[in-house]
Amino acid sequence: MLPEERFNALVDEFRASPGVSVPGEPGKRGFGSNALKVHGSIFAMISGGRLVVKLPRQRVETLIGTGVGAPFDAGKGRAMREWLTVTADDQESWLALGHEACDFVRSQRGTQ
């Protein structure tokens, strides 16, 4: 399965989730328009053919250490501490990390 197809499956998984907006919704343009968001904050996107998710800093470090992911650099020459580039190429990992990222960002926003 191609990364774009895998991401589309992830989008479909979240399409009906409360507070989640998906790519392609009318009126959305610019940065984040192709990302999954919860209450307006990005929790997952595709970049360079890889899934990128927002998770707690320690969790990102653990996943990098176990080889599940790599640091994410948004082009500024340094890794973003709460963002992980997922190197696993299976749908199961993408779904699990997508749900974990959504829960994390939702909890940061103080909404359940």
C-alpha atoms as a PDB file:
ATOM      1  CA  MET A   1       0.000   0.000   0.000  1.00  0.00           C
ATOM      2  CA  LEU A   2       1.321   3.456  -0.897  1.00  0.00           C
ATOM      3  CA  PRO A   3       1.801   6.021   1.906  1.00  0.00           C
ATOM      4  CA  GLU A   4      -0.971   8.211   0.484  1.00  0.00           C
ATOM      5  CA  GLU A   5      -3.366   5.250   0.494  1.00  0.00           C
ATOM      6  CA  ARG A   6      -2.375   4.395   4.053  1.00  0.00           C
ATOM      7  CA  PHE A   7      -2.946   8.025   5.104  1.00  0.00           C
ATOM      8  CA  ASN A   8      -6.345   8.064   3.361  1.00  0.00           C
ATOM      9  CA  ALA A   9      -7.291   4.972   5.385  1.00  0.00           C
ATOM     10  CA  LEU A  10      -6.244   6.858   8.527  1.00  0.00           C
ATOM     11  CA  VAL A  11      -8.360   9.832   7.449  1.00  0.00           C
ATOM     12  CA  ASP A  12     -11.336   7.506   6.961  1.00  0.00           C
ATOM     13  CA  GLU A  13     -10.772   6.092  10.458  1.00  0.00           C
ATOM     14  CA  PHE A  14     -11.106   9.573  12.000  1.00  0.00           C
ATOM     15  CA  ARG A  15     -13.721  11.065   9.660  1.00  0.00           C
ATOM     16  CA  ALA A  16     -16.610  10.605  12.114  1.00  0.00           C
ATOM     17  CA  SER A  17     -14.637  11.288  15.310  1.00  0.00           C
ATOM     18  CA  PRO A  18     -15.976  14.160  17.424  1.00  0.00           C
ATOM     19  CA  GLY A  19     -13.914  17.347  17.081  1.00  0.00           C
ATOM     20  CA  VAL A  20     -11.715  15.937  14.299  1.00  0.00           C
ATOM     21  CA  SER A  21     -11.381  17.712  10.963  1.00  0.00           C
ATOM     22  CA  VAL A  22      -9.984  15.871   7.972  1.00  0.00           C
ATOM     23  CA  PRO A  23      -8.076  17.072   4.912  1.00  0.00           C
ATOM     24  CA  GLY A  24     -10.165  18.317   2.034  1.00  0.00           C
ATOM     25  CA  GLU A  25     -12.880  20.032   4.051  1.00  0.00           C
ATOM     26  CA  PRO A  26     -14.224  23.138   2.278  1.00  0.00           C
ATOM     27  CA  GLY A  27     -12.527  26.463   2.990  1.00  0.00           C
ATOM     28  CA  LYS A  28      -9.294  24.997   4.318  1.00  0.00           C
ATOM     29  CA  ARG A  29      -6.061  26.183   2.648  1.00  0.00           C
ATOM     30  CA  GLY A  30      -2.409  26.644   3.530  1.00  0.00           C
ATOM     31  CA  PHE A  31      -0.354  24.924   6.225  1.00  0.00           C
ATOM     32  CA  GLY A  32      -2.255  22.120   7.879  1.00  0.00           C
ATOM     33  CA  SER A  33      -4.928  21.904   5.205  1.00  0.00           C
ATOM     34  CA  ASN A  34      -3.756  18.361   4.422  1.00  0.00           C
ATOM     35  CA  ALA A  35      -3.501  17.293   8.064  1.00  0.00           C
ATOM     36  CA  LEU A  36      -5.749  15.603  10.592  1.00  0.00           C
ATOM     37  CA  LYS A  37      -6.714  18.021  13.352  1.00  0.00           C
ATOM     38  CA  VAL A  38      -8.585  17.769  16.606  1.00  0.00           C
ATOM     39  CA  HIS A  39     -10.260  20.973  17.805  1.00  0.00           C
ATOM     40  CA  GLY A  40      -8.126  22.908  15.313  1.00  0.00           C
ATOM     41  CA  SER A  41      -4.732  21.462  16.304  1.00  0.00           C
ATOM     42  CA  ILE A  42      -2.759  19.140  14.027  1.00  0.00           C
ATOM     43  CA  PHE A  43      -2.142  15.654  15.356  1.00  0.00           C
ATOM     44  CA  ALA A  44      -1.170  13.746  12.185  1.00  0.00           C
ATOM     45  CA  MET A  45      -0.023  14.580   8.675  1.00  0.00           C
ATOM     46  CA  ILE A  46       1.917  13.078   5.835  1.00  0.00           C
ATOM     47  CA  SER A  47       5.292  14.558   4.961  1.00  0.00           C
ATOM     48  CA  GLY A  48       7.736  13.126   2.463  1.00  0.00           C
ATOM     49  CA  GLY A  49       5.678   9.971   2.154  1.00  0.00           C
ATOM     50  CA  ARG A  50       5.818   9.309   5.912  1.00  0.00           C
ATOM     51  CA  LEU A  51       3.262   9.702   8.660  1.00  0.00           C
ATOM     52  CA  VAL A  52       4.160  12.429  11.148  1.00  0.00           C
ATOM     53  CA  VAL A  53       2.385  12.507  14.524  1.00  0.00           C
ATOM     54  CA  LYS A  54       2.422  14.707  17.606  1.00  0.00           C
ATOM     55  CA  LEU A  55       3.139  12.827  20.839  1.00  0.00           C
ATOM     56  CA  PRO A  56       4.637  13.595  24.249  1.00  0.00           C
ATOM     57  CA  ARG A  57       8.372  14.284  24.085  1.00  0.00           C
ATOM     58  CA  GLN A  58       9.351  11.213  26.132  1.00  0.00           C
ATOM     59  CA  ARG A  59       7.164   8.975  23.979  1.00  0.00           C
ATOM     60  CA  VAL A  60       8.824  10.356  20.834  1.00  0.00           C
ATOM     61  CA  GLU A  61      12.260   9.630  22.328  1.00  0.00           C
ATOM     62  CA  THR A  62      11.198   6.071  23.207  1.00  0.00           C
ATOM     63  CA  LEU A  63       9.804   5.375  19.741  1.00  0.00           C
ATOM     64  CA  ILE A  64      12.971   6.736  18.116  1.00  0.00           C
ATOM     65  CA  GLY A  65      15.037   4.515  20.415  1.00  0.00           C
ATOM     66  CA  THR A  66      13.068   1.418  19.438  1.00  0.00           C
ATOM     67  CA  GLY A  67      13.292   2.177  15.730  1.00  0.00           C
ATOM     68  CA  VAL A  68       9.587   2.818  15.198  1.00  0.00           C
ATOM     69  CA  GLY A  69      10.263   6.394  14.186  1.00  0.00           C
ATOM     70  CA  ALA A  70      12.755   9.131  13.503  1.00  0.00           C
ATOM     71  CA  PRO A  71      12.985  12.786  14.520  1.00  0.00           C
ATOM     72  CA  PHE A  72      10.841  15.179  12.482  1.00  0.00           C
ATOM     73  CA  ASP A  73      12.483  18.292  11.082  1.00  0.00           C
ATOM     74  CA  ALA A  74      10.105  20.823   9.543  1.00  0.00           C
ATOM     75  CA  GLY A  75      12.927  22.186   7.412  1.00  0.00           C
ATOM     76  CA  LYS A  76      14.460  24.426  10.066  1.00  0.00           C
ATOM     77  CA  GLY A  77      17.525  22.293  10.700  1.00  0.00           C
ATOM     78  CA  ARG A  78      16.459  20.911  14.058  1.00  0.00           C
ATOM     79  CA  ALA A  79      14.150  18.180  15.255  1.00  0.00           C
ATOM     80  CA  MET A  80      10.811  19.121  16.752  1.00  0.00           C
ATOM     81  CA  ARG A  81      10.661  17.395  20.150  1.00  0.00           C
ATOM     82  CA  GLU A  82       6.981  16.461  20.173  1.00  0.00           C
ATOM     83  CA  TRP A  83       6.817  15.276  16.560  1.00  0.00           C
ATOM     84  CA  LEU A  84       7.699  11.831  15.246  1.00  0.00           C
ATOM     85  CA  THR A  85       8.265  10.671  11.684  1.00  0.00           C
ATOM     86  CA  VAL A  86       6.857   7.148  11.680  1.00  0.00           C
ATOM     87  CA  THR A  87       9.213   4.767   9.901  1.00  0.00           C
ATOM     88  CA  ALA A  88       6.958   1.732  10.295  1.00  0.00           C
ATOM     89  CA  ASP A  89       5.140   1.128   7.034  1.00  0.00           C
ATOM     90  CA  ASP A  90       2.223  -0.968   8.241  1.00  0.00           C
ATOM     91  CA  GLN A  91      -1.361   0.210   8.599  1.00  0.00           C
ATOM     92  CA  GLU A  92      -1.659  -1.194  12.118  1.00  0.00           C
ATOM     93  CA  SER A  93       1.196   1.021  13.400  1.00  0.00           C
ATOM     94  CA  TRP A  94      -0.188   4.067  11.606  1.00  0.00           C
ATOM     95  CA  LEU A  95      -3.648   3.540  13.129  1.00  0.00           C
ATOM     96  CA  ALA A  96      -2.314   2.974  16.645  1.00  0.00           C
ATOM     97  CA  LEU A  97      -0.002   5.999  16.529  1.00  0.00           C
ATOM     98  CA  GLY A  98      -2.727   8.125  14.935  1.00  0.00           C
ATOM     99  CA  HIS A  99      -5.099   7.322  17.803  1.00  0.00           C
ATOM    100  CA  GLU A 100      -2.369   7.958  20.365  1.00  0.00           C
ATOM    101  CA  ALA A 101      -1.561  11.320  18.747  1.00  0.00           C
ATOM    102  CA  CYS A 102      -5.228  12.344  18.613  1.00  0.00           C
ATOM    103  CA  ASP A 103      -5.682  11.499  22.297  1.00  0.00           C
ATOM    104  CA  PHE A 104      -2.523  13.425  23.215  1.00  0.00           C
ATOM    105  CA  VAL A 105      -3.480  16.573  21.307  1.00  0.00           C
ATOM    106  CA  ARG A 106      -7.072  16.370  22.552  1.00  0.00           C
ATOM    107  CA  SER A 107      -5.779  16.192  26.156  1.00  0.00           C
ATOM    108  CA  GLN A 108      -3.551  19.227  25.556  1.00  0.00           C
ATOM    109  CA  ARG A 109      -6.551  21.190  24.435  1.00  0.00           C
ATOM    110  CA  GLY A 110      -8.359  20.270  27.652  1.00  0.00           C
ATOM    111  CA  THR A 111     -11.257  18.634  25.840  1.00  0.00           C
ATOM    112  CA  GLN A 112     -12.326  15.028  25.860  1.00  0.00           C
END
